[in-house]
Amino acid sequence: MKMERKLKVCLISSTGGHLAQLLQLVPVVQKYNYFLVTEKNKTNLSLSNKYRTYFLTQQERKNLSFLFQLCSNTVKSFFILLKEKPDVIITTGAGSVLPMCILGKILRKKIVFIESFAKISSPTLTGRIIYKFADQFYIQWEELQKYYPKAKYRGVIY
């Protein structure tokens, strides 16, 4: 008798509003083998008490240490991918998710991007980059269709 392998899902986002949106997806993915990846800060350390969670370094593009943080997150993302071997990577952004999504695509993982709820009339930088290679791309506001013509509108996740 052949055992079916359960789909493995990586939910990844930066902290703050992106993470709040991502956590709205937990009820949808809890029937699968899933884990979280987010930036580490004092507001979200308790996530690991409830979910299998990996933490990246919080990065800011305007910070002088951005390049170091980006390299650090790229290495961490690579090792998380090797350890967990997810089938699908779902993200709501922002910048710290780029290494995971790019590496995931190279490793032939499915990439699902959900553009930020906060972006009603203009795209995010992360969205513009990931749009080029995402397997599925969703927008939460119809106004964004002009920036992402192939995106799917399914309403808001809240």
C-alpha atoms as a PDB file:
ATOM      1  CA  MET A   1       0.000   0.000   0.000  1.00  0.00           C
ATOM      2  CA  LYS A   2       1.475   3.338  -1.091  1.00  0.00           C
ATOM      3  CA  MET A   3       1.501   6.126   1.487  1.00  0.00           C
ATOM      4  CA  GLU A   4       0.591   9.568   0.198  1.00  0.00           C
ATOM      5  CA  ARG A   5       2.935  12.341   1.223  1.00  0.00           C
ATOM      6  CA  LYS A   6       1.291  15.391   2.705  1.00  0.00           C
ATOM      7  CA  LEU A   7       1.888  18.675   0.875  1.00  0.00           C
ATOM      8  CA  LYS A   8       4.450  20.820   2.708  1.00  0.00           C
ATOM      9  CA  VAL A   9       3.818  24.565   2.811  1.00  0.00           C
ATOM     10  CA  CYS A  10       6.147  27.404   3.794  1.00  0.00           C
ATOM     11  CA  LEU A  11       4.396  30.598   4.910  1.00  0.00           C
ATOM     12  CA  ILE A  12       6.874  33.473   4.841  1.00  0.00           C
ATOM     13  CA  SER A  13       6.649  37.224   5.379  1.00  0.00           C
ATOM     14  CA  SER A  14       8.375  40.097   7.031  1.00  0.00           C
ATOM     15  CA  THR A  15       7.028  41.152  10.405  1.00  0.00           C
ATOM     16  CA  GLY A  16       4.203  43.602  11.175  1.00  0.00           C
ATOM     17  CA  GLY A  17       1.265  43.933   8.792  1.00  0.00           C
ATOM     18  CA  HIS A  18       2.654  41.414   6.311  1.00  0.00           C
ATOM     19  CA  LEU A  19       2.825  38.818   9.075  1.00  0.00           C
ATOM     20  CA  ALA A  20      -0.675  39.691  10.302  1.00  0.00           C
ATOM     21  CA  GLN A  21      -1.968  39.006   6.777  1.00  0.00           C
ATOM     22  CA  LEU A  22       0.008  35.780   6.490  1.00  0.00           C
ATOM     23  CA  LEU A  23      -1.396  34.449   9.759  1.00  0.00           C
ATOM     24  CA  GLN A  24      -4.885  34.799   8.267  1.00  0.00           C
ATOM     25  CA  LEU A  25      -3.911  31.909   5.979  1.00  0.00           C
ATOM     26  CA  VAL A  26      -3.132  29.439   8.786  1.00  0.00           C
ATOM     27  CA  PRO A  27      -6.710  28.032   8.862  1.00  0.00           C
ATOM     28  CA  VAL A  28      -6.406  27.346   5.114  1.00  0.00           C
ATOM     29  CA  VAL A  29      -3.059  25.510   5.349  1.00  0.00           C
ATOM     30  CA  GLN A  30      -3.401  23.749   8.698  1.00  0.00           C
ATOM     31  CA  LYS A  31      -4.550  20.560   6.983  1.00  0.00           C
ATOM     32  CA  TYR A  32      -1.094  20.442   5.379  1.00  0.00           C
ATOM     33  CA  ASN A  33       2.360  20.120   6.866  1.00  0.00           C
ATOM     34  CA  TYR A  34       3.256  23.813   7.207  1.00  0.00           C
ATOM     35  CA  PHE A  35       5.749  26.083   8.905  1.00  0.00           C
ATOM     36  CA  LEU A  36       6.314  29.824   9.279  1.00  0.00           C
ATOM     37  CA  VAL A  37       9.309  31.977   8.396  1.00  0.00           C
ATOM     38  CA  THR A  38       9.417  35.613   9.486  1.00  0.00           C
ATOM     39  CA  GLU A  39      11.790  38.263  10.754  1.00  0.00           C
ATOM     40  CA  LYS A  40      12.844  38.024  14.372  1.00  0.00           C
ATOM     41  CA  ASN A  41      11.841  40.804  16.725  1.00  0.00           C
ATOM     42  CA  LYS A  42      10.474  41.024  20.255  1.00  0.00           C
ATOM     43  CA  THR A  43       6.855  41.328  19.077  1.00  0.00           C
ATOM     44  CA  ASN A  44       6.741  37.907  17.424  1.00  0.00           C
ATOM     45  CA  LEU A  45       9.040  35.611  19.415  1.00  0.00           C
ATOM     46  CA  SER A  46       5.992  33.892  20.923  1.00  0.00           C
ATOM     47  CA  LEU A  47       5.037  32.547  17.473  1.00  0.00           C
ATOM     48  CA  SER A  48       7.364  29.616  18.071  1.00  0.00           C
ATOM     49  CA  ASN A  49       5.172  28.584  21.023  1.00  0.00           C
ATOM     50  CA  LYS A  50       2.234  28.025  18.664  1.00  0.00           C
ATOM     51  CA  TYR A  51       3.773  27.284  15.245  1.00  0.00           C
ATOM     52  CA  ARG A  52       6.879  25.657  13.843  1.00  0.00           C
ATOM     53  CA  THR A  53       8.729  28.907  13.149  1.00  0.00           C
ATOM     54  CA  TYR A  54      12.048  29.975  11.672  1.00  0.00           C
ATOM     55  CA  PHE A  55      13.360  33.493  12.101  1.00  0.00           C
ATOM     56  CA  LEU A  56      15.277  35.639   9.639  1.00  0.00           C
ATOM     57  CA  THR A  57      17.169  38.815  10.448  1.00  0.00           C
ATOM     58  CA  GLN A  58      14.971  41.893  10.235  1.00  0.00           C
ATOM     59  CA  GLN A  59      16.232  43.959   7.320  1.00  0.00           C
ATOM     60  CA  GLU A  60      15.672  47.534   6.249  1.00  0.00           C
ATOM     61  CA  ARG A  61      16.767  48.712   2.795  1.00  0.00           C
ATOM     62  CA  LYS A  62      17.795  52.105   4.176  1.00  0.00           C
ATOM     63  CA  ASN A  63      19.989  50.586   6.905  1.00  0.00           C
ATOM     64  CA  LEU A  64      23.772  50.576   6.391  1.00  0.00           C
ATOM     65  CA  SER A  65      23.919  46.887   7.310  1.00  0.00           C
ATOM     66  CA  PHE A  66      21.323  45.939   4.676  1.00  0.00           C
ATOM     67  CA  LEU A  67      23.772  44.036   2.461  1.00  0.00           C
ATOM     68  CA  PHE A  68      24.995  41.962   5.416  1.00  0.00           C
ATOM     69  CA  GLN A  69      21.396  41.278   6.518  1.00  0.00           C
ATOM     70  CA  LEU A  70      20.414  40.278   2.976  1.00  0.00           C
ATOM     71  CA  CYS A  71      23.352  37.863   2.728  1.00  0.00           C
ATOM     72  CA  SER A  72      22.557  36.438   6.159  1.00  0.00           C
ATOM     73  CA  ASN A  73      18.899  35.920   5.212  1.00  0.00           C
ATOM     74  CA  THR A  74      19.897  34.292   1.930  1.00  0.00           C
ATOM     75  CA  VAL A  75      22.061  31.733   3.751  1.00  0.00           C
ATOM     76  CA  LYS A  76      19.373  31.125   6.399  1.00  0.00           C
ATOM     77  CA  SER A  77      16.710  30.744   3.698  1.00  0.00           C
ATOM     78  CA  PHE A  78      18.845  28.240   1.814  1.00  0.00           C
ATOM     79  CA  PHE A  79      19.296  26.064   4.904  1.00  0.00           C
ATOM     80  CA  ILE A  80      15.593  26.270   5.781  1.00  0.00           C
ATOM     81  CA  LEU A  81      14.741  25.125   2.248  1.00  0.00           C
ATOM     82  CA  LEU A  82      17.220  22.235   2.454  1.00  0.00           C
ATOM     83  CA  LYS A  83      15.918  21.137   5.841  1.00  0.00           C
ATOM     84  CA  GLU A  84      12.176  21.525   5.263  1.00  0.00           C
ATOM     85  CA  LYS A  85      11.873  20.854   1.512  1.00  0.00           C
ATOM     86  CA  PRO A  86       8.531  22.644   1.067  1.00  0.00           C
ATOM     87  CA  ASP A  87       6.434  22.020  -2.021  1.00  0.00           C
ATOM     88  CA  VAL A  88       4.892  25.499  -1.959  1.00  0.00           C
ATOM     89  CA  ILE A  89       6.086  28.872  -0.657  1.00  0.00           C
ATOM     90  CA  ILE A  90       3.292  31.334   0.112  1.00  0.00           C
ATOM     91  CA  THR A  91       4.173  34.923   0.912  1.00  0.00           C
ATOM     92  CA  THR A  92       2.608  38.312   1.546  1.00  0.00           C
ATOM     93  CA  GLY A  93       5.977  40.116   1.261  1.00  0.00           C
ATOM     94  CA  ALA A  94       8.164  42.124   1.950  1.00  0.00           C
ATOM     95  CA  GLY A  95      11.901  42.350   1.241  1.00  0.00           C
ATOM     96  CA  SER A  96      13.222  39.617   3.536  1.00  0.00           C
ATOM     97  CA  VAL A  97      11.181  37.043   1.593  1.00  0.00           C
ATOM     98  CA  LEU A  98      13.030  37.615  -1.690  1.00  0.00           C
ATOM     99  CA  PRO A  99      15.941  35.227  -1.027  1.00  0.00           C
ATOM    100  CA  MET A 100      13.557  32.408  -0.033  1.00  0.00           C
ATOM    101  CA  CYS A 101      11.354  32.923  -3.087  1.00  0.00           C
ATOM    102  CA  ILE A 102      14.259  33.176  -5.544  1.00  0.00           C
ATOM    103  CA  LEU A 103      16.013  30.137  -4.070  1.00  0.00           C
ATOM    104  CA  GLY A 104      12.693  28.291  -3.935  1.00  0.00           C
ATOM    105  CA  LYS A 105      12.087  28.964  -7.612  1.00  0.00           C
ATOM    106  CA  ILE A 106      15.595  27.739  -8.482  1.00  0.00           C
ATOM    107  CA  LEU A 107      14.807  24.568  -6.507  1.00  0.00           C
ATOM    108  CA  ARG A 108      11.521  24.194  -8.449  1.00  0.00           C
ATOM    109  CA  LYS A 109       9.164  25.026  -5.591  1.00  0.00           C
ATOM    110  CA  LYS A 110       5.791  26.611  -6.351  1.00  0.00           C
ATOM    111  CA  ILE A 111       5.692  30.298  -5.423  1.00  0.00           C
ATOM    112  CA  VAL A 112       2.431  31.968  -4.413  1.00  0.00           C
ATOM    113  CA  PHE A 113       2.485  35.718  -3.763  1.00  0.00           C
ATOM    114  CA  ILE A 114      -0.336  37.756  -2.244  1.00  0.00           C
ATOM    115  CA  GLU A 115       0.140  41.498  -2.751  1.00  0.00           C
ATOM    116  CA  SER A 116      -0.187  43.516   0.433  1.00  0.00           C
ATOM    117  CA  PHE A 117      -3.620  44.535   1.691  1.00  0.00           C
ATOM    118  CA  ALA A 118      -2.189  48.005   2.343  1.00  0.00           C
ATOM    119  CA  LYS A 119      -1.334  48.540  -1.325  1.00  0.00           C
ATOM    120  CA  ILE A 120      -4.578  49.674  -2.923  1.00  0.00           C
ATOM    121  CA  SER A 121      -3.411  51.706  -5.901  1.00  0.00           C
ATOM    122  CA  SER A 122       0.304  51.020  -6.368  1.00  0.00           C
ATOM    123  CA  PRO A 123       2.480  47.881  -6.375  1.00  0.00           C
ATOM    124  CA  THR A 124       5.147  46.955  -3.837  1.00  0.00           C
ATOM    125  CA  LEU A 125       8.779  46.517  -4.860  1.00  0.00           C
ATOM    126  CA  THR A 126       8.662  42.890  -3.691  1.00  0.00           C
ATOM    127  CA  GLY A 127       5.476  42.296  -5.679  1.00  0.00           C
ATOM    128  CA  ARG A 128       6.987  43.743  -8.848  1.00  0.00           C
ATOM    129  CA  ILE A 129       9.983  41.424  -8.543  1.00  0.00           C
ATOM    130  CA  ILE A 130       8.145  38.219  -7.586  1.00  0.00           C
ATOM    131  CA  TYR A 131       5.406  38.818 -10.194  1.00  0.00           C
ATOM    132  CA  LYS A 132       7.972  37.931 -12.867  1.00  0.00           C
ATOM    133  CA  PHE A 133       8.368  34.340 -11.630  1.00  0.00           C
ATOM    134  CA  ALA A 134       5.483  33.500  -9.259  1.00  0.00           C
ATOM    135  CA  ASP A 135       3.381  30.473 -10.116  1.00  0.00           C
ATOM    136  CA  GLN A 136       0.310  32.174  -8.653  1.00  0.00           C
ATOM    137  CA  PHE A 137      -0.021  35.895  -7.951  1.00  0.00           C
ATOM    138  CA  TYR A 138      -2.988  37.372  -6.100  1.00  0.00           C
ATOM    139  CA  ILE A 139      -4.080  40.947  -5.553  1.00  0.00           C
ATOM    140  CA  GLN A 140      -6.457  42.099  -2.838  1.00  0.00           C
ATOM    141  CA  TRP A 141      -7.652  45.195  -4.705  1.00  0.00           C
ATOM    142  CA  GLU A 142      -8.930  45.241  -8.299  1.00  0.00           C
ATOM    143  CA  GLU A 143      -7.136  48.572  -8.898  1.00  0.00           C
ATOM    144  CA  LEU A 144      -3.826  46.683  -8.977  1.00  0.00           C
ATOM    145  CA  GLN A 145      -4.834  44.691 -12.062  1.00  0.00           C
ATOM    146  CA  LYS A 146      -3.298  47.414 -14.255  1.00  0.00           C
ATOM    147  CA  TYR A 147       0.132  46.708 -12.694  1.00  0.00           C
ATOM    148  CA  TYR A 148      -0.313  42.936 -12.576  1.00  0.00           C
ATOM    149  CA  PRO A 149      -2.429  41.964 -15.621  1.00  0.00           C
ATOM    150  CA  LYS A 150      -2.066  38.203 -15.025  1.00  0.00           C
ATOM    151  CA  ALA A 151      -2.807  38.434 -11.285  1.00  0.00           C
ATOM    152  CA  LYS A 152      -5.944  36.909  -9.808  1.00  0.00           C
ATOM    153  CA  TYR A 153      -8.315  38.994  -7.739  1.00  0.00           C
ATOM    154  CA  ARG A 154     -10.083  37.009  -5.002  1.00  0.00           C
ATOM    155  CA  GLY A 155     -10.896  39.784  -2.535  1.00  0.00           C
ATOM    156  CA  VAL A 156      -9.191  40.547   0.759  1.00  0.00           C
ATOM    157  CA  ILE A 157      -7.879  37.967   3.195  1.00  0.00           C
ATOM    158  CA  TYR A 158      -9.218  39.732   6.288  1.00  0.00           C
END
